[in-house]
Amino acid sequence: MCVRPDPLGGGPSILSDAHAAVARLSEDSRALLAELAYHYGTFFDLFGVGEEYKPFPILDGSDPGEGFIRFTAKMLERSELGQAHTDAARELAEELVRGQVSFMLQPGDYLIVNQRRFLHGREALHSGQETVPVSGRRLLLQLFLRAPAGDGSAA
């Protein structure tokens, strides 16, 4: 939910249909993205959340319209990948950008996203944020809903 947008006009939200992007990939790229070759980030001081899933496939599921898609373009910088895996991830990134929509949230707007279908991000805030008092800067509230443990359905 948007409480306050960037008063300097930056930070539009971005949505991209991940399953549609995957469907446009070559079969070879989909096969590479389904391999246990990718990772992103590191766990720091987290307890009770289970083991870190590393390496993992970007695509879980054999059908382009099914399964979970784990992807952020930052993975390309942080994963030590062979050329074929890098190329497949870059192809996916290009397809995600090609199909993305961008829009500015206004105060009171809610954005509800099925994260099994869509990838969500935001563009950069406008430069000059240091000139805006903290009480006037963009404020977004997030809420994540999760299905009960053992329930394979999406919330």
Protein backbone atom coordinates (compact mmCIF):
# COMPACT_ATOMS: atom_id res chain seq x y z
CA MET A 1 0.00 0.00 0.00
CA CYS A 2 1.26 3.43 -0.88
CA VAL A 3 1.15 5.83 2.05
CA ARG A 4 3.32 8.50 0.34
CA PRO A 5 4.81 8.43 -3.16
CA ASP A 6 8.28 9.85 -3.83
CA PRO A 7 7.72 13.62 -3.59
CA LEU A 8 10.39 14.06 -6.27
CA GLY A 9 8.49 11.86 -8.74
CA GLY A 10 10.58 8.68 -8.87
CA GLY A 11 10.06 5.06 -7.93
CA PRO A 12 7.35 3.73 -10.25
CA SER A 13 6.32 0.11 -9.61
CA ILE A 14 7.10 -2.51 -12.24
CA LEU A 15 5.23 -5.75 -12.92
CA SER A 16 6.14 -8.49 -15.36
CA ASP A 17 4.26 -11.71 -16.10
CA ALA A 18 6.97 -14.27 -15.36
CA HIS A 19 5.12 -17.21 -16.92
CA ALA A 20 4.54 -15.31 -20.17
CA ALA A 21 8.26 -14.40 -20.28
CA VAL A 22 9.28 -18.03 -19.72
CA ALA A 23 6.90 -19.18 -22.47
CA ARG A 24 8.77 -16.96 -24.95
CA LEU A 25 12.14 -18.59 -24.13
CA SER A 26 13.76 -21.30 -26.16
CA GLU A 27 13.40 -24.88 -24.91
CA ASP A 28 17.18 -25.00 -24.31
CA SER A 29 17.06 -21.89 -22.11
CA ARG A 30 14.14 -23.29 -20.11
CA ALA A 31 16.10 -26.49 -19.53
CA LEU A 32 19.14 -24.55 -18.27
CA LEU A 33 16.98 -22.40 -15.99
CA ALA A 34 15.52 -25.58 -14.45
CA GLU A 35 18.97 -26.80 -13.33
CA LEU A 36 20.32 -26.38 -9.78
CA ALA A 37 22.85 -23.70 -10.74
CA TYR A 38 21.66 -20.37 -9.33
CA HIS A 39 21.88 -18.57 -6.00
CA TYR A 40 21.20 -15.14 -4.63
CA GLY A 41 22.31 -13.52 -1.44
CA THR A 42 23.27 -15.09 1.85
CA PHE A 43 21.38 -15.75 5.06
CA PHE A 44 22.47 -13.48 7.91
CA ASP A 45 21.31 -14.04 11.48
CA LEU A 46 18.08 -15.74 10.48
CA PHE A 47 16.71 -18.44 12.76
CA GLY A 48 13.85 -20.88 12.35
CA VAL A 49 13.49 -20.39 8.59
CA GLY A 50 15.11 -23.63 7.45
CA GLU A 51 18.18 -24.27 5.35
CA GLU A 52 19.30 -21.87 2.66
CA TYR A 53 18.17 -23.12 -0.76
CA LYS A 54 21.44 -22.93 -2.66
CA PRO A 55 21.92 -23.69 -5.46
CA PHE A 56 18.39 -23.62 -6.82
CA PRO A 57 16.64 -23.71 -10.18
CA ILE A 58 15.12 -20.50 -11.48
CA LEU A 59 12.27 -22.59 -12.88
CA ASP A 60 10.51 -25.17 -10.71
CA GLY A 61 8.19 -27.11 -12.94
CA SER A 62 8.44 -28.53 -16.43
CA ASP A 63 5.53 -26.62 -18.00
CA PRO A 64 6.25 -22.92 -18.79
CA GLY A 65 2.86 -21.96 -17.34
CA GLU A 66 3.31 -23.89 -14.10
CA GLY A 67 5.62 -23.89 -11.12
CA PHE A 68 7.50 -21.23 -9.22
CA ILE A 69 9.97 -18.81 -10.82
CA ARG A 70 12.78 -17.48 -8.60
CA PHE A 71 14.52 -14.61 -10.32
CA THR A 72 16.04 -11.22 -9.81
CA ALA A 73 18.48 -9.64 -12.24
CA LYS A 74 20.92 -9.18 -9.33
CA MET A 75 21.48 -12.94 -9.50
CA LEU A 76 23.48 -12.37 -12.67
CA GLU A 77 26.03 -10.36 -10.70
CA ARG A 78 26.10 -12.60 -7.63
CA SER A 79 25.98 -16.14 -9.04
CA GLU A 80 29.10 -17.80 -10.36
CA LEU A 81 27.61 -19.26 -13.53
CA GLY A 82 28.92 -20.86 -16.66
CA GLN A 83 28.27 -19.03 -19.92
CA ALA A 84 25.25 -21.15 -20.92
CA HIS A 85 23.46 -20.57 -17.58
CA THR A 86 24.32 -16.86 -17.71
CA ASP A 87 22.97 -16.55 -21.23
CA ALA A 88 19.73 -18.32 -20.29
CA ALA A 89 19.22 -16.02 -17.27
CA ARG A 90 19.96 -12.95 -19.40
CA GLU A 91 17.45 -14.12 -22.00
CA LEU A 92 14.84 -14.40 -19.24
CA ALA A 93 15.75 -10.92 -17.94
CA GLU A 94 15.29 -9.48 -21.44
CA GLU A 95 11.88 -11.14 -21.82
CA LEU A 96 10.79 -9.87 -18.41
CA VAL A 97 11.74 -6.31 -19.38
CA ARG A 98 10.06 -6.67 -22.78
CA GLY A 99 6.75 -7.59 -21.12
CA GLN A 100 6.86 -5.26 -18.12
CA VAL A 101 4.41 -2.54 -17.21
CA SER A 102 5.33 0.47 -15.09
CA PHE A 103 2.99 2.66 -13.05
CA MET A 104 3.10 5.10 -10.15
CA LEU A 105 1.28 4.18 -6.96
CA GLN A 106 -0.65 7.03 -5.37
CA PRO A 107 -1.59 7.45 -1.69
CA GLY A 108 -4.13 4.79 -0.72
CA ASP A 109 -3.34 2.54 -3.71
CA TYR A 110 -2.95 -1.15 -2.95
CA LEU A 111 -0.97 -3.48 -5.17
CA ILE A 112 -1.81 -7.14 -4.71
CA VAL A 113 0.50 -9.48 -6.59
CA ASN A 114 0.39 -13.23 -7.12
CA GLN A 115 4.13 -13.85 -6.78
CA ARG A 116 3.78 -17.26 -8.36
CA ARG A 117 2.81 -15.48 -11.58
CA PHE A 118 4.26 -11.96 -11.54
CA LEU A 119 7.61 -10.47 -10.62
CA HIS A 120 7.46 -7.08 -8.93
CA GLY A 121 10.03 -4.36 -8.54
CA ARG A 122 10.44 -0.63 -8.46
CA GLU A 123 12.43 1.85 -10.46
CA ALA A 124 14.87 4.10 -8.63
CA LEU A 125 13.71 7.02 -6.57
CA HIS A 126 14.40 10.44 -8.08
CA SER A 127 17.79 11.90 -7.19
CA GLY A 128 17.92 14.42 -4.36
CA GLN A 129 16.35 12.23 -1.66
CA GLU A 130 18.74 13.73 0.90
CA THR A 131 16.90 17.06 0.53
CA VAL A 132 13.54 15.54 1.55
CA PRO A 133 12.82 15.26 5.29
CA VAL A 134 12.39 11.65 6.40
CA SER A 135 8.75 12.39 7.32
CA GLY A 136 8.06 13.38 3.70
CA ARG A 137 9.85 10.55 1.86
CA ARG A 138 8.10 7.73 0.06
CA LEU A 139 6.46 5.25 2.38
CA LEU A 140 5.18 1.88 1.20
CA LEU A 141 3.71 -0.74 3.53
CA GLN A 142 4.07 -4.41 2.62
CA LEU A 143 2.16 -7.44 3.78
CA PHE A 144 3.02 -10.99 2.76
CA LEU A 145 0.44 -13.76 3.00
CA ARG A 146 1.54 -17.38 3.02
CA ALA A 147 -0.38 -20.64 2.91
CA PRO A 148 -0.21 -22.76 6.08
CA ALA A 149 2.78 -25.15 6.28
CA GLY A 150 2.19 -28.27 4.25
CA ASP A 151 -0.46 -26.62 2.08
CA GLY A 152 0.76 -26.40 -1.51
CA SER A 153 -1.79 -23.76 -2.45
CA ALA A 154 -0.80 -20.14 -2.99
CA ALA A 155 -2.15 -17.48 -0.67
